[in-house]
Amino acid sequence: TLLARKGNPVTTVTDTRDPDQRLIWVVQDDPENPGKKMISLTTRAAATEAGIPLPEEFAPAAP
């Protein structure tokens, strides 16, 4: 999470759930090891477009 925060292009973000936190990590299937998972750095937009669920650290806050 710290790596994503430090690499985010919008440096004023203080909450990783903020939509301006564009760089995030996600857990997804490892294409080289079927049945295993891997962590990938990606953008919030790319993860959303690919249908990859956002981790709790980056998901919008519950109302």
PDB file of N, CA and C in Angstrom:
ATOM      1  N   THR A   1       0.831  -1.187   0.000  1.00  0.00           N
ATOM      2  CA  THR A   1       0.000   0.000   0.000  1.00  0.00           C
ATOM      3  C   THR A   1       0.877   1.252   0.000  1.00  0.00           C
ATOM      4  N   LEU A   2       1.953   1.236   0.770  1.00  0.00           N
ATOM      5  CA  LEU A   2       2.853   2.388   0.813  1.00  0.00           C
ATOM      6  C   LEU A   2       3.499   2.627  -0.553  1.00  0.00           C
ATOM      7  N   LEU A   3       3.865   1.562  -1.235  1.00  0.00           N
ATOM      8  CA  LEU A   3       4.457   1.692  -2.563  1.00  0.00           C
ATOM      9  C   LEU A   3       3.479   2.370  -3.525  1.00  0.00           C
ATOM     10  N   ALA A   4       2.214   1.980  -3.475  1.00  0.00           N
ATOM     11  CA  ALA A   4       1.198   2.595  -4.335  1.00  0.00           C
ATOM     12  C   ALA A   4       1.004   4.064  -3.969  1.00  0.00           C
ATOM     13  N   ARG A   5       1.003   4.366  -2.687  1.00  0.00           N
ATOM     14  CA  ARG A   5       0.832   5.764  -2.262  1.00  0.00           C
ATOM     15  C   ARG A   5       1.995   6.618  -2.735  1.00  0.00           C
ATOM     16  N   LYS A   6       3.212   6.117  -2.567  1.00  0.00           N
ATOM     17  CA  LYS A   6       4.404   6.887  -2.957  1.00  0.00           C
ATOM     18  C   LYS A   6       4.482   7.088  -4.470  1.00  0.00           C
ATOM     19  N   GLY A   7       4.000   6.116  -5.247  1.00  0.00           N
ATOM     20  CA  GLY A   7       4.070   6.206  -6.698  1.00  0.00           C
ATOM     21  C   GLY A   7       2.881   6.880  -7.351  1.00  0.00           C
ATOM     22  N   ASN A   8       1.898   7.274  -6.557  1.00  0.00           N
ATOM     23  CA  ASN A   8       0.694   7.882  -7.108  1.00  0.00           C
ATOM     24  C   ASN A   8       1.023   9.227  -7.755  1.00  0.00           C
ATOM     25  N   PRO A   9       0.503   9.492  -8.963  1.00  0.00           N
ATOM     26  CA  PRO A   9       0.802  10.765  -9.613  1.00  0.00           C
ATOM     27  C   PRO A   9       0.173  11.980  -8.927  1.00  0.00           C
ATOM     28  N   VAL A  10      -0.884  11.772  -8.158  1.00  0.00           N
ATOM     29  CA  VAL A  10      -1.514  12.872  -7.416  1.00  0.00           C
ATOM     30  C   VAL A  10      -0.953  12.814  -5.998  1.00  0.00           C
ATOM     31  N   THR A  11      -0.048  13.711  -5.691  1.00  0.00           N
ATOM     32  CA  THR A  11       0.693  13.645  -4.428  1.00  0.00           C
ATOM     33  C   THR A  11      -0.068  14.176  -3.221  1.00  0.00           C
ATOM     34  N   THR A  12      -1.221  14.779  -3.427  1.00  0.00           N
ATOM     35  CA  THR A  12      -1.971  15.363  -2.310  1.00  0.00           C
ATOM     36  C   THR A  12      -2.967  14.393  -1.684  1.00  0.00           C
ATOM     37  N   VAL A  13      -3.074  13.182  -2.197  1.00  0.00           N
ATOM     38  CA  VAL A  13      -4.028  12.197  -1.682  1.00  0.00           C
ATOM     39  C   VAL A  13      -3.599  11.748  -0.290  1.00  0.00           C
ATOM     40  N   THR A  14      -4.548  11.756   0.654  1.00  0.00           N
ATOM     41  CA  THR A  14      -4.250  11.317   2.021  1.00  0.00           C
ATOM     42  C   THR A  14      -4.981  10.034   2.393  1.00  0.00           C
ATOM     43  N   ASP A  15      -5.993   9.662   1.607  1.00  0.00           N
ATOM     44  CA  ASP A  15      -6.776   8.451   1.870  1.00  0.00           C
ATOM     45  C   ASP A  15      -6.713   7.572   0.626  1.00  0.00           C
ATOM     46  N   THR A  16      -6.234   6.350   0.759  1.00  0.00           N
ATOM     47  CA  THR A  16      -6.080   5.465  -0.402  1.00  0.00           C
ATOM     48  C   THR A  16      -7.408   5.091  -1.049  1.00  0.00           C
ATOM     49  N   ARG A  17      -8.524   5.351  -0.371  1.00  0.00           N
ATOM     50  CA  ARG A  17      -9.842   5.076  -0.958  1.00  0.00           C
ATOM     51  C   ARG A  17     -10.312   6.209  -1.865  1.00  0.00           C
ATOM     52  N   ASP A  18      -9.593   7.324  -1.845  1.00  0.00           N
ATOM     53  CA  ASP A  18      -9.910   8.481  -2.679  1.00  0.00           C
ATOM     54  C   ASP A  18      -9.728   8.103  -4.158  1.00  0.00           C
ATOM     55  N   PRO A  19     -10.674   8.460  -5.028  1.00  0.00           N
ATOM     56  CA  PRO A  19     -10.531   8.147  -6.456  1.00  0.00           C
ATOM     57  C   PRO A  19      -9.252   8.708  -7.084  1.00  0.00           C
ATOM     58  N   ASP A  20      -8.684   9.767  -6.498  1.00  0.00           N
ATOM     59  CA  ASP A  20      -7.427  10.317  -7.010  1.00  0.00           C
ATOM     60  C   ASP A  20      -6.223   9.441  -6.675  1.00  0.00           C
ATOM     61  N   GLN A  21      -6.420   8.420  -5.847  1.00  0.00           N
ATOM     62  CA  GLN A  21      -5.358   7.428  -5.627  1.00  0.00           C
ATOM     63  C   GLN A  21      -5.421   6.512  -6.839  1.00  0.00           C
ATOM     64  N   ARG A  22      -4.678   6.866  -7.866  1.00  0.00           N
ATOM     65  CA  ARG A  22      -4.786   6.172  -9.154  1.00  0.00           C
ATOM     66  C   ARG A  22      -3.959   4.902  -9.222  1.00  0.00           C
ATOM     67  N   LEU A  23      -2.818   4.876  -8.554  1.00  0.00           N
ATOM     68  CA  LEU A  23      -1.972   3.684  -8.557  1.00  0.00           C
ATOM     69  C   LEU A  23      -2.376   2.803  -7.382  1.00  0.00           C
ATOM     70  N   ILE A  24      -2.698   1.551  -7.673  1.00  0.00           N
ATOM     71  CA  ILE A  24      -3.150   0.627  -6.635  1.00  0.00           C
ATOM     72  C   ILE A  24      -2.512  -0.738  -6.860  1.00  0.00           C
ATOM     73  N   TRP A  25      -2.657  -1.619  -5.888  1.00  0.00           N
ATOM     74  CA  TRP A  25      -2.279  -3.023  -6.092  1.00  0.00           C
ATOM     75  C   TRP A  25      -3.554  -3.845  -6.049  1.00  0.00           C
ATOM     76  N   VAL A  26      -3.550  -4.945  -6.778  1.00  0.00           N
ATOM     77  CA  VAL A  26      -4.692  -5.859  -6.803  1.00  0.00           C
ATOM     78  C   VAL A  26      -4.181  -7.292  -6.722  1.00  0.00           C
ATOM     79  N   VAL A  27      -5.042  -8.171  -6.266  1.00  0.00           N
ATOM     80  CA  VAL A  27      -4.746  -9.603  -6.250  1.00  0.00           C
ATOM     81  C   VAL A  27      -5.503 -10.214  -7.420  1.00  0.00           C
ATOM     82  N   GLN A  28      -4.776 -10.939  -8.255  1.00  0.00           N
ATOM     83  CA  GLN A  28      -5.416 -11.566  -9.408  1.00  0.00           C
ATOM     84  C   GLN A  28      -4.787 -12.919  -9.688  1.00  0.00           C
ATOM     85  N   ASP A  29      -5.409 -13.670 -10.582  1.00  0.00           N
ATOM     86  CA  ASP A  29      -4.873 -14.975 -10.955  1.00  0.00           C
ATOM     87  C   ASP A  29      -3.519 -14.802 -11.635  1.00  0.00           C
ATOM     88  N   ASP A  30      -2.591 -15.693 -11.319  1.00  0.00           N
ATOM     89  CA  ASP A  30      -1.265 -15.684 -11.929  1.00  0.00           C
ATOM     90  C   ASP A  30      -1.343 -16.462 -13.243  1.00  0.00           C
ATOM     91  N   PRO A  31      -1.158 -15.793 -14.389  1.00  0.00           N
ATOM     92  CA  PRO A  31      -1.291 -16.489 -15.668  1.00  0.00           C
ATOM     93  C   PRO A  31      -0.213 -17.552 -15.896  1.00  0.00           C
ATOM     94  N   GLU A  32       0.909 -17.446 -15.194  1.00  0.00           N
ATOM     95  CA  GLU A  32       1.997 -18.414 -15.363  1.00  0.00           C
ATOM     96  C   GLU A  32       1.891 -19.592 -14.404  1.00  0.00           C
ATOM     97  N   ASN A  33       1.047 -19.481 -13.386  1.00  0.00           N
ATOM     98  CA  ASN A  33       0.873 -20.538 -12.394  1.00  0.00           C
ATOM     99  C   ASN A  33      -0.616 -20.730 -12.119  1.00  0.00           C
ATOM    100  N   PRO A  34      -1.296 -21.506 -12.964  1.00  0.00           N
ATOM    101  CA  PRO A  34      -2.734 -21.711 -12.789  1.00  0.00           C
ATOM    102  C   PRO A  34      -3.083 -22.139 -11.362  1.00  0.00           C
ATOM    103  N   GLY A  35      -4.144 -21.538 -10.840  1.00  0.00           N
ATOM    104  CA  GLY A  35      -4.595 -21.853  -9.489  1.00  0.00           C
ATOM    105  C   GLY A  35      -3.914 -21.034  -8.412  1.00  0.00           C
ATOM    106  N   LYS A  36      -2.945 -20.215  -8.791  1.00  0.00           N
ATOM    107  CA  LYS A  36      -2.243 -19.368  -7.818  1.00  0.00           C
ATOM    108  C   LYS A  36      -2.601 -17.912  -8.068  1.00  0.00           C
ATOM    109  N   LYS A  37      -2.377 -17.097  -7.063  1.00  0.00           N
ATOM    110  CA  LYS A  37      -2.664 -15.666  -7.134  1.00  0.00           C
ATOM    111  C   LYS A  37      -1.357 -14.882  -7.163  1.00  0.00           C
ATOM    112  N   MET A  38      -1.438 -13.643  -7.630  1.00  0.00           N
ATOM    113  CA  MET A  38      -0.290 -12.742  -7.612  1.00  0.00           C
ATOM    114  C   MET A  38      -0.782 -11.331  -7.312  1.00  0.00           C
ATOM    115  N   ILE A  39       0.129 -10.509  -6.853  1.00  0.00           N
ATOM    116  CA  ILE A  39      -0.171  -9.102  -6.594  1.00  0.00           C
ATOM    117  C   ILE A  39       0.405  -8.294  -7.746  1.00  0.00           C
ATOM    118  N   SER A  40      -0.403  -7.410  -8.305  1.00  0.00           N
ATOM    119  CA  SER A  40       0.025  -6.569  -9.419  1.00  0.00           C
ATOM    120  C   SER A  40      -0.221  -5.107  -9.092  1.00  0.00           C
ATOM    121  N   LEU A  41       0.708  -4.246  -9.504  1.00  0.00           N
ATOM    122  CA  LEU A  41       0.480  -2.808  -9.449  1.00  0.00           C
ATOM    123  C   LEU A  41      -0.221  -2.427 -10.742  1.00  0.00           C
ATOM    124  N   THR A  42      -1.259  -1.634 -10.623  1.00  0.00           N
ATOM    125  CA  THR A  42      -2.024  -1.204 -11.788  1.00  0.00           C
ATOM    126  C   THR A  42      -2.706   0.112 -11.449  1.00  0.00           C
ATOM    127  N   THR A  43      -3.471   0.619 -12.378  1.00  0.00           N
ATOM    128  CA  THR A  43      -4.240   1.830 -12.085  1.00  0.00           C
ATOM    129  C   THR A  43      -5.651   1.441 -11.675  1.00  0.00           C
ATOM    130  N   ARG A  44      -6.264   2.321 -10.942  1.00  0.00           N
ATOM    131  CA  ARG A  44      -7.655   2.109 -10.519  1.00  0.00           C
ATOM    132  C   ARG A  44      -8.542   1.923 -11.755  1.00  0.00           C
ATOM    133  N   ALA A  45      -8.324   2.731 -12.785  1.00  0.00           N
ATOM    134  CA  ALA A  45      -9.141   2.646 -14.000  1.00  0.00           C
ATOM    135  C   ALA A  45      -8.963   1.299 -14.696  1.00  0.00           C
ATOM    136  N   ALA A  46      -7.733   0.821 -14.808  1.00  0.00           N
ATOM    137  CA  ALA A  46      -7.483  -0.462 -15.481  1.00  0.00           C
ATOM    138  C   ALA A  46      -8.097  -1.615 -14.699  1.00  0.00           C
ATOM    139  N   ALA A  47      -8.000  -1.576 -13.384  1.00  0.00           N
ATOM    140  CA  ALA A  47      -8.581  -2.641 -12.559  1.00  0.00           C
ATOM    141  C   ALA A  47     -10.099  -2.653 -12.706  1.00  0.00           C
ATOM    142  N   THR A  48     -10.700  -1.485 -12.685  1.00  0.00           N
ATOM    143  CA  THR A  48     -12.152  -1.385 -12.829  1.00  0.00           C
ATOM    144  C   THR A  48     -12.587  -1.886 -14.201  1.00  0.00           C
ATOM    145  N   GLU A  49     -11.864  -1.471 -15.237  1.00  0.00           N
ATOM    146  CA  GLU A  49     -12.195  -1.889 -16.601  1.00  0.00           C
ATOM    147  C   GLU A  49     -12.070  -3.408 -16.767  1.00  0.00           C
ATOM    148  N   ALA A  50     -11.084  -4.012 -16.099  1.00  0.00           N
ATOM    149  CA  ALA A  50     -10.867  -5.460 -16.193  1.00  0.00           C
ATOM    150  C   ALA A  50     -11.775  -6.254 -15.260  1.00  0.00           C
ATOM    151  N   GLY A  51     -12.546  -5.557 -14.430  1.00  0.00           N
ATOM    152  CA  GLY A  51     -13.446  -6.242 -13.504  1.00  0.00           C
ATOM    153  C   GLY A  51     -12.735  -6.867 -12.319  1.00  0.00           C
ATOM    154  N   ILE A  52     -11.547  -6.373 -12.005  1.00  0.00           N
ATOM    155  CA  ILE A  52     -10.784  -6.888 -10.865  1.00  0.00           C
ATOM    156  C   ILE A  52     -11.267  -6.165  -9.608  1.00  0.00           C
ATOM    157  N   PRO A  53     -11.694  -6.901  -8.590  1.00  0.00           N
ATOM    158  CA  PRO A  53     -12.164  -6.248  -7.366  1.00  0.00           C
ATOM    159  C   PRO A  53     -11.045  -5.452  -6.691  1.00  0.00           C
ATOM    160  N   LEU A  54     -11.407  -4.288  -6.171  1.00  0.00           N
ATOM    161  CA  LEU A  54     -10.434  -3.465  -5.460  1.00  0.00           C
ATOM    162  C   LEU A  54     -10.244  -4.002  -4.049  1.00  0.00           C
ATOM    163  N   PRO A  55      -9.002  -4.063  -3.585  1.00  0.00           N
ATOM    164  CA  PRO A  55      -8.768  -4.467  -2.202  1.00  0.00           C
ATOM    165  C   PRO A  55      -9.402  -3.458  -1.242  1.00  0.00           C
ATOM    166  N   GLU A  56      -9.651  -3.897  -0.054  1.00  0.00           N
ATOM    167  CA  GLU A  56     -10.263  -3.061   0.984  1.00  0.00           C
ATOM    168  C   GLU A  56      -9.548  -1.721   1.133  1.00  0.00           C
ATOM    169  N   GLU A  57      -8.233  -1.714   0.998  1.00  0.00           N
ATOM    170  CA  GLU A  57      -7.447  -0.485   1.160  1.00  0.00           C
ATOM    171  C   GLU A  57      -7.786   0.579   0.128  1.00  0.00           C
ATOM    172  N   PHE A  58      -8.299   0.166  -1.029  1.00  0.00           N
ATOM    173  CA  PHE A  58      -8.567   1.098  -2.119  1.00  0.00           C
ATOM    174  C   PHE A  58     -10.046   1.207  -2.477  1.00  0.00           C
ATOM    175  N   ALA A  59     -10.872   0.345  -1.924  1.00  0.00           N
ATOM    176  CA  ALA A  59     -12.307   0.358  -2.226  1.00  0.00           C
ATOM    177  C   ALA A  59     -12.959   1.598  -1.615  1.00  0.00           C
ATOM    178  N   PRO A  60     -13.991   2.125  -2.264  1.00  0.00           N
ATOM    179  CA  PRO A  60     -14.684   3.290  -1.699  1.00  0.00           C
ATOM    180  C   PRO A  60     -15.191   2.999  -0.283  1.00  0.00           C
ATOM    181  N   ALA A  61     -15.151   4.019   0.538  1.00  0.00           N
ATOM    182  CA  ALA A  61     -15.618   3.886   1.923  1.00  0.00           C
ATOM    183  C   ALA A  61     -17.113   3.593   1.950  1.00  0.00           C
ATOM    184  N   ALA A  62     -17.518   2.739   2.856  1.00  0.00           N
ATOM    185  CA  ALA A  62     -18.942   2.430   3.022  1.00  0.00           C
ATOM    186  C   ALA A  62     -19.656   3.646   3.603  1.00  0.00           C
ATOM    187  N   PRO A  63     -20.892   3.906   3.152  1.00  0.00           N
ATOM    188  CA  PRO A  63     -21.627   5.088   3.655  1.00  0.00           C
ATOM    189  C   PRO A  63     -21.980   4.970   5.121  1.00  0.00           C
TER     190      PRO A  63
END
